Amino acid sequence: MITSSDEPDSLDDAHEIAGLLFAVAEQTRHVFEAAARRVELTPPQARALLELHRPASMRTIAQRLRCDASNVTGIADRLQARGLIRRDEGQQDRRVKTLTLTPAGERARADLETAVRSSPAMAGLSHAERATLRDLLAKVASPGATP
């Protein structure tokens, strides 16, 4: 039985889609790295700031960044030294550290968000197109999707 994914042109479509995704990812990476440099952060530090839209545990940030928790410790150390975050002990478990943006961290995060929103990859899309793209990418990137 031939399914739609077995049709001859589906491989060409998949190849073209993959190429476009790589191109957009590369363009987005360059824009993001430039934005991180402007606020004097490394890309992992900048990504951590973006993930702190509300206070979160270091473990949660590690999961969102898809890295080991020990990496987040170093990132948090440097962000705290710059006055961009603070660490709060958990109320029930003092071993759990919650990261919270300081006012300076909120300003740096806002600068990063502005740069991401105004990137060439997003600037040419309407709000509805960005919503559709977000939904499609979320579907493709969902945990149930086959890698």
C-alpha atoms as a PDB file:
ATOM      1  CA  MET A   1       0.000   0.000   0.000  1.00  0.00           C
ATOM      2  CA  ILE A   2       1.393   3.392  -0.975  1.00  0.00           C
ATOM      3  CA  THR A   3       0.881   6.164   1.531  1.00  0.00           C
ATOM      4  CA  SER A   4       1.357   9.865   0.930  1.00  0.00           C
ATOM      5  CA  SER A   5       4.829   9.668   2.507  1.00  0.00           C
ATOM      6  CA  ASP A   6       5.812   7.007  -0.063  1.00  0.00           C
ATOM      7  CA  GLU A   7       4.977   9.162  -3.060  1.00  0.00           C
ATOM      8  CA  PRO A   8       8.028   9.930  -5.217  1.00  0.00           C
ATOM      9  CA  ASP A   9       7.864  13.712  -4.813  1.00  0.00           C
ATOM     10  CA  SER A  10       7.583  13.518  -0.993  1.00  0.00           C
ATOM     11  CA  LEU A  11      11.343  12.902  -0.786  1.00  0.00           C
ATOM     12  CA  ASP A  12      11.965  16.030  -2.851  1.00  0.00           C
ATOM     13  CA  ASP A  13       9.601  17.967  -0.579  1.00  0.00           C
ATOM     14  CA  ALA A  14      11.319  16.630   2.526  1.00  0.00           C
ATOM     15  CA  HIS A  15      14.726  17.541   1.112  1.00  0.00           C
ATOM     16  CA  GLU A  16      13.576  21.060   0.266  1.00  0.00           C
ATOM     17  CA  ILE A  17      11.922  21.525   3.675  1.00  0.00           C
ATOM     18  CA  ALA A  18      15.050  20.327   5.466  1.00  0.00           C
ATOM     19  CA  GLY A  19      17.180  22.730   3.440  1.00  0.00           C
ATOM     20  CA  LEU A  20      14.862  25.632   4.240  1.00  0.00           C
ATOM     21  CA  LEU A  21      14.823  24.739   7.936  1.00  0.00           C
ATOM     22  CA  PHE A  22      18.623  24.652   7.988  1.00  0.00           C
ATOM     23  CA  ALA A  23      18.796  28.032   6.238  1.00  0.00           C
ATOM     24  CA  VAL A  24      16.326  29.636   8.662  1.00  0.00           C
ATOM     25  CA  ALA A  25      18.071  28.059  11.653  1.00  0.00           C
ATOM     26  CA  GLU A  26      21.452  29.351  10.489  1.00  0.00           C
ATOM     27  CA  GLN A  27      20.087  32.845   9.848  1.00  0.00           C
ATOM     28  CA  THR A  28      18.358  32.868  13.234  1.00  0.00           C
ATOM     29  CA  ARG A  29      21.525  31.649  14.962  1.00  0.00           C
ATOM     30  CA  HIS A  30      23.561  34.504  13.464  1.00  0.00           C
ATOM     31  CA  VAL A  31      20.979  37.115  14.503  1.00  0.00           C
ATOM     32  CA  PHE A  32      20.763  35.638  17.999  1.00  0.00           C
ATOM     33  CA  GLU A  33      24.543  35.462  18.455  1.00  0.00           C
ATOM     34  CA  ALA A  34      24.873  39.101  17.363  1.00  0.00           C
ATOM     35  CA  ALA A  35      22.147  40.103  19.847  1.00  0.00           C
ATOM     36  CA  ALA A  36      23.896  38.164  22.615  1.00  0.00           C
ATOM     37  CA  ARG A  37      27.183  39.930  21.828  1.00  0.00           C
ATOM     38  CA  ARG A  38      25.452  43.321  22.038  1.00  0.00           C
ATOM     39  CA  VAL A  39      24.437  42.593  25.628  1.00  0.00           C
ATOM     40  CA  GLU A  40      27.843  40.988  26.281  1.00  0.00           C
ATOM     41  CA  LEU A  41      26.567  37.443  26.780  1.00  0.00           C
ATOM     42  CA  THR A  42      27.478  34.098  25.317  1.00  0.00           C
ATOM     43  CA  PRO A  43      24.695  32.365  23.369  1.00  0.00           C
ATOM     44  CA  PRO A  44      24.041  29.852  26.212  1.00  0.00           C
ATOM     45  CA  GLN A  45      23.784  32.707  28.725  1.00  0.00           C
ATOM     46  CA  ALA A  46      21.418  34.579  26.407  1.00  0.00           C
ATOM     47  CA  ARG A  47      19.284  31.473  25.907  1.00  0.00           C
ATOM     48  CA  ALA A  48      19.072  31.008  29.679  1.00  0.00           C
ATOM     49  CA  LEU A  49      17.888  34.613  30.072  1.00  0.00           C
ATOM     50  CA  LEU A  50      15.199  34.070  27.444  1.00  0.00           C
ATOM     51  CA  GLU A  51      14.005  30.984  29.314  1.00  0.00           C
ATOM     52  CA  LEU A  52      13.581  33.029  32.495  1.00  0.00           C
ATOM     53  CA  HIS A  53      10.315  34.693  31.456  1.00  0.00           C
ATOM     54  CA  ARG A  54       9.313  33.667  34.987  1.00  0.00           C
ATOM     55  CA  PRO A  55      11.421  32.244  37.839  1.00  0.00           C
ATOM     56  CA  ALA A  56      12.526  28.676  37.222  1.00  0.00           C
ATOM     57  CA  SER A  57      14.660  26.043  38.893  1.00  0.00           C
ATOM     58  CA  MET A  58      18.113  25.354  37.554  1.00  0.00           C
ATOM     59  CA  ARG A  59      16.932  21.840  36.631  1.00  0.00           C
ATOM     60  CA  THR A  60      14.074  23.303  34.577  1.00  0.00           C
ATOM     61  CA  ILE A  61      16.468  25.626  32.751  1.00  0.00           C
ATOM     62  CA  ALA A  62      18.778  22.677  32.043  1.00  0.00           C
ATOM     63  CA  GLN A  63      15.848  20.769  30.531  1.00  0.00           C
ATOM     64  CA  ARG A  64      14.795  23.728  28.405  1.00  0.00           C
ATOM     65  CA  LEU A  65      18.362  24.258  27.185  1.00  0.00           C
ATOM     66  CA  ARG A  66      18.768  20.499  26.688  1.00  0.00           C
ATOM     67  CA  CYS A  67      21.988  20.414  28.685  1.00  0.00           C
ATOM     68  CA  ASP A  68      23.350  18.947  31.883  1.00  0.00           C
ATOM     69  CA  ALA A  69      22.419  20.729  35.115  1.00  0.00           C
ATOM     70  CA  SER A  70      26.128  21.260  35.856  1.00  0.00           C
ATOM     71  CA  ASN A  71      26.335  23.472  32.749  1.00  0.00           C
ATOM     72  CA  VAL A  72      23.533  25.649  34.104  1.00  0.00           C
ATOM     73  CA  THR A  73      25.490  26.122  37.330  1.00  0.00           C
ATOM     74  CA  GLY A  74      28.299  27.793  35.379  1.00  0.00           C
ATOM     75  CA  ILE A  75      25.871  29.842  33.304  1.00  0.00           C
ATOM     76  CA  ALA A  76      24.031  30.946  36.453  1.00  0.00           C
ATOM     77  CA  ASP A  77      27.324  31.848  38.160  1.00  0.00           C
ATOM     78  CA  ARG A  78      28.255  34.193  35.312  1.00  0.00           C
ATOM     79  CA  LEU A  79      24.769  35.709  35.024  1.00  0.00           C
ATOM     80  CA  GLN A  80      24.673  36.302  38.774  1.00  0.00           C
ATOM     81  CA  ALA A  81      28.138  37.881  38.730  1.00  0.00           C
ATOM     82  CA  ARG A  82      26.842  40.300  36.083  1.00  0.00           C
ATOM     83  CA  GLY A  83      23.839  41.156  38.254  1.00  0.00           C
ATOM     84  CA  LEU A  84      21.345  39.727  35.747  1.00  0.00           C
ATOM     85  CA  ILE A  85      19.843  37.006  37.942  1.00  0.00           C
ATOM     86  CA  ARG A  86      19.578  36.023  41.557  1.00  0.00           C
ATOM     87  CA  ARG A  87      19.353  32.555  43.082  1.00  0.00           C
ATOM     88  CA  ASP A  88      16.698  31.826  45.640  1.00  0.00           C
ATOM     89  CA  GLU A  89      16.569  28.697  47.784  1.00  0.00           C
ATOM     90  CA  GLY A  90      13.487  26.563  47.450  1.00  0.00           C
ATOM     91  CA  GLN A  91      11.011  26.847  50.281  1.00  0.00           C
ATOM     92  CA  GLN A  92      10.565  23.100  50.730  1.00  0.00           C
ATOM     93  CA  ASP A  93      14.015  21.942  49.608  1.00  0.00           C
ATOM     94  CA  ARG A  94      16.960  24.277  50.126  1.00  0.00           C
ATOM     95  CA  ARG A  95      18.966  22.282  47.574  1.00  0.00           C
ATOM     96  CA  VAL A  96      16.649  23.511  44.826  1.00  0.00           C
ATOM     97  CA  LYS A  97      17.780  26.871  43.495  1.00  0.00           C
ATOM     98  CA  THR A  98      15.320  29.070  41.657  1.00  0.00           C
ATOM     99  CA  LEU A  99      16.696  31.586  39.182  1.00  0.00           C
ATOM    100  CA  THR A 100      14.973  34.960  38.953  1.00  0.00           C
ATOM    101  CA  LEU A 101      15.769  37.913  36.709  1.00  0.00           C
ATOM    102  CA  THR A 102      16.914  41.146  38.309  1.00  0.00           C
ATOM    103  CA  PRO A 103      15.818  44.471  36.779  1.00  0.00           C
ATOM    104  CA  ALA A 104      19.079  44.497  34.759  1.00  0.00           C
ATOM    105  CA  GLY A 105      18.333  40.937  33.638  1.00  0.00           C
ATOM    106  CA  GLU A 106      14.841  41.937  32.565  1.00  0.00           C
ATOM    107  CA  ARG A 107      16.292  44.751  30.430  1.00  0.00           C
ATOM    108  CA  ALA A 108      18.849  42.410  28.821  1.00  0.00           C
ATOM    109  CA  ARG A 109      16.113  39.836  28.177  1.00  0.00           C
ATOM    110  CA  ALA A 110      13.903  42.504  26.583  1.00  0.00           C
ATOM    111  CA  ASP A 111      16.798  43.514  24.290  1.00  0.00           C
ATOM    112  CA  LEU A 112      17.263  39.888  23.239  1.00  0.00           C
ATOM    113  CA  GLU A 113      13.538  39.426  22.605  1.00  0.00           C
ATOM    114  CA  THR A 114      13.449  42.555  20.448  1.00  0.00           C
ATOM    115  CA  ALA A 115      16.367  41.276  18.377  1.00  0.00           C
ATOM    116  CA  VAL A 116      14.738  37.880  17.891  1.00  0.00           C
ATOM    117  CA  ARG A 117      11.380  39.437  16.953  1.00  0.00           C
ATOM    118  CA  SER A 118      12.994  41.765  14.421  1.00  0.00           C
ATOM    119  CA  SER A 119      15.177  39.103  12.801  1.00  0.00           C
ATOM    120  CA  PRO A 120      14.860  38.836   9.019  1.00  0.00           C
ATOM    121  CA  ALA A 121      13.310  35.386   9.420  1.00  0.00           C
ATOM    122  CA  MET A 122      10.368  36.877  11.355  1.00  0.00           C
ATOM    123  CA  ALA A 123      10.169  40.442  10.047  1.00  0.00           C
ATOM    124  CA  GLY A 124       8.556  39.508   6.725  1.00  0.00           C
ATOM    125  CA  LEU A 125       5.785  37.426   8.294  1.00  0.00           C
ATOM    126  CA  SER A 126       2.405  38.652   9.433  1.00  0.00           C
ATOM    127  CA  HIS A 127       1.169  37.808  12.909  1.00  0.00           C
ATOM    128  CA  ALA A 128      -1.051  35.065  11.442  1.00  0.00           C
ATOM    129  CA  GLU A 129       1.849  33.612   9.435  1.00  0.00           C
ATOM    130  CA  ARG A 130       4.094  33.580  12.530  1.00  0.00           C
ATOM    131  CA  ALA A 131       1.331  31.800  14.463  1.00  0.00           C
ATOM    132  CA  THR A 132       0.965  29.199  11.710  1.00  0.00           C
ATOM    133  CA  LEU A 133       4.730  28.695  11.524  1.00  0.00           C
ATOM    134  CA  ARG A 134       4.922  28.364  15.311  1.00  0.00           C
ATOM    135  CA  ASP A 135       2.164  25.766  15.323  1.00  0.00           C
ATOM    136  CA  LEU A 136       3.748  23.760  12.505  1.00  0.00           C
ATOM    137  CA  LEU A 137       7.201  23.847  14.102  1.00  0.00           C
ATOM    138  CA  ALA A 138       5.736  22.848  17.475  1.00  0.00           C
ATOM    139  CA  LYS A 139       4.035  19.893  15.793  1.00  0.00           C
ATOM    140  CA  VAL A 140       7.269  18.840  14.082  1.00  0.00           C
ATOM    141  CA  ALA A 141       9.375  19.351  17.218  1.00  0.00           C
ATOM    142  CA  SER A 142       6.892  17.712  19.606  1.00  0.00           C
ATOM    143  CA  PRO A 143       8.233  14.928  21.822  1.00  0.00           C
ATOM    144  CA  GLY A 144       6.052  12.421  19.981  1.00  0.00           C
ATOM    145  CA  ALA A 145       7.595  13.324  16.610  1.00  0.00           C
ATOM    146  CA  THR A 146      10.067  10.846  15.216  1.00  0.00           C
ATOM    147  CA  PRO A 147      13.581  12.338  15.126  1.00  0.00           C
END
